[in-house]
Amino acid sequence: MTWCTNDWVYAPVFREGIDVLPGEKVVATLMIGYREHIPEAQPRTDIRKLVKIINK
């Protein structure tokens, strides 16, 4: 399963197809199934290289 937010969640055809009312938001879709190809794991970037904490 993969949690995704794709551009098509804003498309009228998609929104009408799942009965999204005006003012409601789709935050994600869940893709369920099996991948055809499983990519090799990539090394993770240390969180300290990605986040800058500002104390004021």
PDB file of N, CA and C in Angstrom:
ATOM      1  N   MET A   1       0.837  -1.164   0.000  1.00  0.00           N
ATOM      2  CA  MET A   1       0.000   0.000   0.000  1.00  0.00           C
ATOM      3  C   MET A   1       0.889   1.237   0.000  1.00  0.00           C
ATOM      4  N   THR A   2       0.486   2.244  -0.734  1.00  0.00           N
ATOM      5  CA  THR A   2       1.201   3.509  -0.792  1.00  0.00           C
ATOM      6  C   THR A   2       0.204   4.639  -0.587  1.00  0.00           C
ATOM      7  N   TRP A   3       0.587   5.598   0.245  1.00  0.00           N
ATOM      8  CA  TRP A   3      -0.225   6.796   0.489  1.00  0.00           C
ATOM      9  C   TRP A   3       0.253   7.845  -0.498  1.00  0.00           C
ATOM     10  N   CYS A   4      -0.613   8.354  -1.358  1.00  0.00           N
ATOM     11  CA  CYS A   4      -0.220   9.322  -2.390  1.00  0.00           C
ATOM     12  C   CYS A   4      -1.181  10.498  -2.428  1.00  0.00           C
ATOM     13  N   THR A   5      -0.677  11.626  -2.852  1.00  0.00           N
ATOM     14  CA  THR A   5      -1.523  12.752  -3.208  1.00  0.00           C
ATOM     15  C   THR A   5      -1.108  13.164  -4.614  1.00  0.00           C
ATOM     16  N   ASN A   6      -1.950  12.848  -5.563  1.00  0.00           N
ATOM     17  CA  ASN A   6      -1.659  13.138  -6.968  1.00  0.00           C
ATOM     18  C   ASN A   6      -2.464  14.345  -7.428  1.00  0.00           C
ATOM     19  N   ASP A   7      -2.026  14.944  -8.526  1.00  0.00           N
ATOM     20  CA  ASP A   7      -2.731  16.111  -9.070  1.00  0.00           C
ATOM     21  C   ASP A   7      -4.174  15.803  -9.456  1.00  0.00           C
ATOM     22  N   TRP A   8      -4.437  14.559  -9.829  1.00  0.00           N
ATOM     23  CA  TRP A   8      -5.775  14.248 -10.314  1.00  0.00           C
ATOM     24  C   TRP A   8      -6.828  14.248  -9.209  1.00  0.00           C
ATOM     25  N   VAL A   9      -6.442  14.377  -7.934  1.00  0.00           N
ATOM     26  CA  VAL A   9      -7.458  14.470  -6.869  1.00  0.00           C
ATOM     27  C   VAL A   9      -8.251  15.779  -6.987  1.00  0.00           C
ATOM     28  N   TYR A  10      -7.730  16.728  -7.764  1.00  0.00           N
ATOM     29  CA  TYR A  10      -8.418  18.010  -7.988  1.00  0.00           C
ATOM     30  C   TYR A  10      -9.276  17.997  -9.252  1.00  0.00           C
ATOM     31  N   ALA A  11      -9.162  16.955 -10.055  1.00  0.00           N
ATOM     32  CA  ALA A  11      -9.895  16.885 -11.322  1.00  0.00           C
ATOM     33  C   ALA A  11     -11.388  16.674 -11.073  1.00  0.00           C
ATOM     34  N   PRO A  12     -12.228  17.467 -11.733  1.00  0.00           N
ATOM     35  CA  PRO A  12     -13.680  17.325 -11.550  1.00  0.00           C
ATOM     36  C   PRO A  12     -14.188  15.904 -11.792  1.00  0.00           C
ATOM     37  N   VAL A  13     -13.650  15.215 -12.789  1.00  0.00           N
ATOM     38  CA  VAL A  13     -14.106  13.851 -13.087  1.00  0.00           C
ATOM     39  C   VAL A  13     -13.848  12.928 -11.903  1.00  0.00           C
ATOM     40  N   PHE A  14     -12.671  13.033 -11.300  1.00  0.00           N
ATOM     41  CA  PHE A  14     -12.337  12.213 -10.132  1.00  0.00           C
ATOM     42  C   PHE A  14     -13.239  12.578  -8.954  1.00  0.00           C
ATOM     43  N   ARG A  15     -13.350  13.871  -8.678  1.00  0.00           N
ATOM     44  CA  ARG A  15     -14.128  14.338  -7.523  1.00  0.00           C
ATOM     45  C   ARG A  15     -15.603  13.940  -7.641  1.00  0.00           C
ATOM     46  N   GLU A  16     -16.170  14.074  -8.838  1.00  0.00           N
ATOM     47  CA  GLU A  16     -17.554  13.666  -9.056  1.00  0.00           C
ATOM     48  C   GLU A  16     -17.705  12.154  -8.934  1.00  0.00           C
ATOM     49  N   GLY A  17     -16.688  11.427  -9.401  1.00  0.00           N
ATOM     50  CA  GLY A  17     -16.740   9.960  -9.369  1.00  0.00           C
ATOM     51  C   GLY A  17     -16.777   9.380  -7.968  1.00  0.00           C
ATOM     52  N   ILE A  18     -16.207  10.096  -7.003  1.00  0.00           N
ATOM     53  CA  ILE A  18     -16.228   9.602  -5.622  1.00  0.00           C
ATOM     54  C   ILE A  18     -17.105  10.481  -4.724  1.00  0.00           C
ATOM     55  N   ASP A  19     -17.932  11.309  -5.351  1.00  0.00           N
ATOM     56  CA  ASP A  19     -18.914  12.142  -4.634  1.00  0.00           C
ATOM     57  C   ASP A  19     -18.293  13.094  -3.613  1.00  0.00           C
ATOM     58  N   VAL A  20     -17.210  13.783  -3.998  1.00  0.00           N
ATOM     59  CA  VAL A  20     -16.618  14.811  -3.130  1.00  0.00           C
ATOM     60  C   VAL A  20     -17.471  16.067  -3.263  1.00  0.00           C
ATOM     61  N   LEU A  21     -17.939  16.572  -2.142  1.00  0.00           N
ATOM     62  CA  LEU A  21     -18.801  17.750  -2.151  1.00  0.00           C
ATOM     63  C   LEU A  21     -17.983  19.037  -2.207  1.00  0.00           C
ATOM     64  N   PRO A  22     -18.566  20.145  -2.690  1.00  0.00           N
ATOM     65  CA  PRO A  22     -17.861  21.425  -2.688  1.00  0.00           C
ATOM     66  C   PRO A  22     -17.413  21.772  -1.257  1.00  0.00           C
ATOM     67  N   GLY A  23     -16.178  22.214  -1.132  1.00  0.00           N
ATOM     68  CA  GLY A  23     -15.628  22.551   0.174  1.00  0.00           C
ATOM     69  C   GLY A  23     -14.898  21.392   0.837  1.00  0.00           C
ATOM     70  N   GLU A  24     -15.130  20.176   0.380  1.00  0.00           N
ATOM     71  CA  GLU A  24     -14.407  19.016   0.917  1.00  0.00           C
ATOM     72  C   GLU A  24     -13.072  18.876   0.207  1.00  0.00           C
ATOM     73  N   LYS A  25     -12.095  18.305   0.896  1.00  0.00           N
ATOM     74  CA  LYS A  25     -10.768  18.102   0.323  1.00  0.00           C
ATOM     75  C   LYS A  25     -10.382  16.635   0.384  1.00  0.00           C
ATOM     76  N   VAL A  26      -9.704  16.172  -0.650  1.00  0.00           N
ATOM     77  CA  VAL A  26      -9.118  14.835  -0.660  1.00  0.00           C
ATOM     78  C   VAL A  26      -7.668  15.009  -0.234  1.00  0.00           C
ATOM     79  N   VAL A  27      -7.274  14.402   0.875  1.00  0.00           N
ATOM     80  CA  VAL A  27      -5.903  14.581   1.350  1.00  0.00           C
ATOM     81  C   VAL A  27      -4.959  13.529   0.788  1.00  0.00           C
ATOM     82  N   ALA A  28      -5.484  12.382   0.384  1.00  0.00           N
ATOM     83  CA  ALA A  28      -4.624  11.341  -0.175  1.00  0.00           C
ATOM     84  C   ALA A  28      -5.471  10.234  -0.779  1.00  0.00           C
ATOM     85  N   THR A  29      -4.812   9.411  -1.554  1.00  0.00           N
ATOM     86  CA  THR A  29      -5.419   8.178  -2.041  1.00  0.00           C
ATOM     87  C   THR A  29      -4.513   7.034  -1.606  1.00  0.00           C
ATOM     88  N   LEU A  30      -5.084   5.879  -1.387  1.00  0.00           N
ATOM     89  CA  LEU A  30      -4.312   4.701  -0.996  1.00  0.00           C
ATOM     90  C   LEU A  30      -4.237   3.768  -2.186  1.00  0.00           C
ATOM     91  N   MET A  31      -3.031   3.529  -2.668  1.00  0.00           N
ATOM     92  CA  MET A  31      -2.811   2.621  -3.783  1.00  0.00           C
ATOM     93  C   MET A  31      -2.534   1.239  -3.195  1.00  0.00           C
ATOM     94  N   ILE A  32      -3.422   0.305  -3.467  1.00  0.00           N
ATOM     95  CA  ILE A  32      -3.299  -1.030  -2.882  1.00  0.00           C
ATOM     96  C   ILE A  32      -3.074  -2.039  -3.993  1.00  0.00           C
ATOM     97  N   GLY A  33      -2.083  -2.886  -3.809  1.00  0.00           N
ATOM     98  CA  GLY A  33      -1.801  -3.915  -4.807  1.00  0.00           C
ATOM     99  C   GLY A  33      -0.349  -4.350  -4.726  1.00  0.00           C
ATOM    100  N   TYR A  34       0.113  -4.985  -5.776  1.00  0.00           N
ATOM    101  CA  TYR A  34       1.483  -5.477  -5.841  1.00  0.00           C
ATOM    102  C   TYR A  34       2.217  -4.777  -6.969  1.00  0.00           C
ATOM    103  N   ARG A  35       3.437  -4.358  -6.694  1.00  0.00           N
ATOM    104  CA  ARG A  35       4.247  -3.696  -7.719  1.00  0.00           C
ATOM    105  C   ARG A  35       4.785  -4.726  -8.701  1.00  0.00           C
ATOM    106  N   GLU A  36       4.925  -4.307  -9.935  1.00  0.00           N
ATOM    107  CA  GLU A  36       5.527  -5.172 -10.936  1.00  0.00           C
ATOM    108  C   GLU A  36       7.028  -5.283 -10.701  1.00  0.00           C
ATOM    109  N   HIS A  37       7.629  -4.176 -10.311  1.00  0.00           N
ATOM    110  CA  HIS A  37       9.067  -4.123 -10.062  1.00  0.00           C
ATOM    111  C   HIS A  37       9.298  -3.467  -8.704  1.00  0.00           C
ATOM    112  N   ILE A  38      10.074  -4.097  -7.853  1.00  0.00           N
ATOM    113  CA  ILE A  38      10.400  -3.515  -6.557  1.00  0.00           C
ATOM    114  C   ILE A  38      11.811  -2.936  -6.657  1.00  0.00           C
ATOM    115  N   PRO A  39      11.942  -1.602  -6.535  1.00  0.00           N
ATOM    116  CA  PRO A  39      13.264  -0.980  -6.661  1.00  0.00           C
ATOM    117  C   PRO A  39      14.148  -1.325  -5.458  1.00  0.00           C
ATOM    118  N   GLU A  40      15.445  -1.246  -5.680  1.00  0.00           N
ATOM    119  CA  GLU A  40      16.384  -1.482  -4.590  1.00  0.00           C
ATOM    120  C   GLU A  40      16.262  -0.363  -3.567  1.00  0.00           C
ATOM    121  N   ALA A  41      16.474  -0.709  -2.317  1.00  0.00           N
ATOM    122  CA  ALA A  41      16.398   0.279  -1.247  1.00  0.00           C
ATOM    123  C   ALA A  41      17.503   1.318  -1.420  1.00  0.00           C
ATOM    124  N   GLN A  42      17.167   2.568  -1.162  1.00  0.00           N
ATOM    125  CA  GLN A  42      18.124   3.667  -1.240  1.00  0.00           C
ATOM    126  C   GLN A  42      18.543   4.054   0.178  1.00  0.00           C
ATOM    127  N   PRO A  43      19.785   4.498   0.344  1.00  0.00           N
ATOM    128  CA  PRO A  43      20.194   4.929   1.686  1.00  0.00           C
ATOM    129  C   PRO A  43      19.383   6.155   2.109  1.00  0.00           C
ATOM    130  N   ARG A  44      19.060   6.222   3.390  1.00  0.00           N
ATOM    131  CA  ARG A  44      18.288   7.347   3.910  1.00  0.00           C
ATOM    132  C   ARG A  44      19.210   8.515   4.211  1.00  0.00           C
ATOM    133  N   THR A  45      18.681   9.730   3.978  1.00  0.00           N
ATOM    134  CA  THR A  45      19.417  10.944   4.310  1.00  0.00           C
ATOM    135  C   THR A  45      19.193  11.247   5.784  1.00  0.00           C
ATOM    136  N   ASP A  46      20.255  11.577   6.480  1.00  0.00           N
ATOM    137  CA  ASP A  46      20.159  11.922   7.893  1.00  0.00           C
ATOM    138  C   ASP A  46      19.220  13.120   8.052  1.00  0.00           C
ATOM    139  N   ILE A  47      18.266  13.022   8.965  1.00  0.00           N
ATOM    140  CA  ILE A  47      17.269  14.074   9.165  1.00  0.00           C
ATOM    141  C   ILE A  47      17.923  15.415   9.479  1.00  0.00           C
ATOM    142  N   ARG A  48      19.075  15.401  10.119  1.00  0.00           N
ATOM    143  CA  ARG A  48      19.761  16.658  10.460  1.00  0.00           C
ATOM    144  C   ARG A  48      20.240  17.404   9.222  1.00  0.00           C
ATOM    145  N   LYS A  49      20.353  16.722   8.085  1.00  0.00           N
ATOM    146  CA  LYS A  49      20.740  17.388   6.836  1.00  0.00           C
ATOM    147  C   LYS A  49      19.519  17.974   6.107  1.00  0.00           C
ATOM    148  N   LEU A  50      18.314  17.562   6.510  1.00  0.00           N
ATOM    149  CA  LEU A  50      17.102  17.987   5.822  1.00  0.00           C
ATOM    150  C   LEU A  50      16.305  19.046   6.569  1.00  0.00           C
ATOM    151  N   VAL A  51      16.456  19.093   7.899  1.00  0.00           N
ATOM    152  CA  VAL A  51      15.632  19.980   8.718  1.00  0.00           C
ATOM    153  C   VAL A  51      16.503  21.046   9.374  1.00  0.00           C
ATOM    154  N   LYS A  52      16.025  22.265   9.313  1.00  0.00           N
ATOM    155  CA  LYS A  52      16.706  23.359   9.989  1.00  0.00           C
ATOM    156  C   LYS A  52      15.803  23.847  11.118  1.00  0.00           C
ATOM    157  N   ILE A  53      16.266  23.771  12.344  1.00  0.00           N
ATOM    158  CA  ILE A  53      15.486  24.184  13.496  1.00  0.00           C
ATOM    159  C   ILE A  53      15.885  25.603  13.876  1.00  0.00           C
ATOM    160  N   ILE A  54      14.895  26.455  14.001  1.00  0.00           N
ATOM    161  CA  ILE A  54      15.125  27.849  14.360  1.00  0.00           C
ATOM    162  C   ILE A  54      14.478  28.084  15.706  1.00  0.00           C
ATOM    163  N   ASN A  55      15.279  28.414  16.702  1.00  0.00           N
ATOM    164  CA  ASN A  55      14.757  28.738  18.032  1.00  0.00           C
ATOM    165  C   ASN A  55      14.765  30.254  18.208  1.00  0.00           C
ATOM    166  N   LYS A  56      13.623  30.813  18.508  1.00  0.00           N
ATOM    167  CA  LYS A  56      13.546  32.264  18.719  1.00  0.00           C
ATOM    168  C   LYS A  56      13.087  32.538  20.111  1.00  0.00           C
TER     169      LYS A  56
END
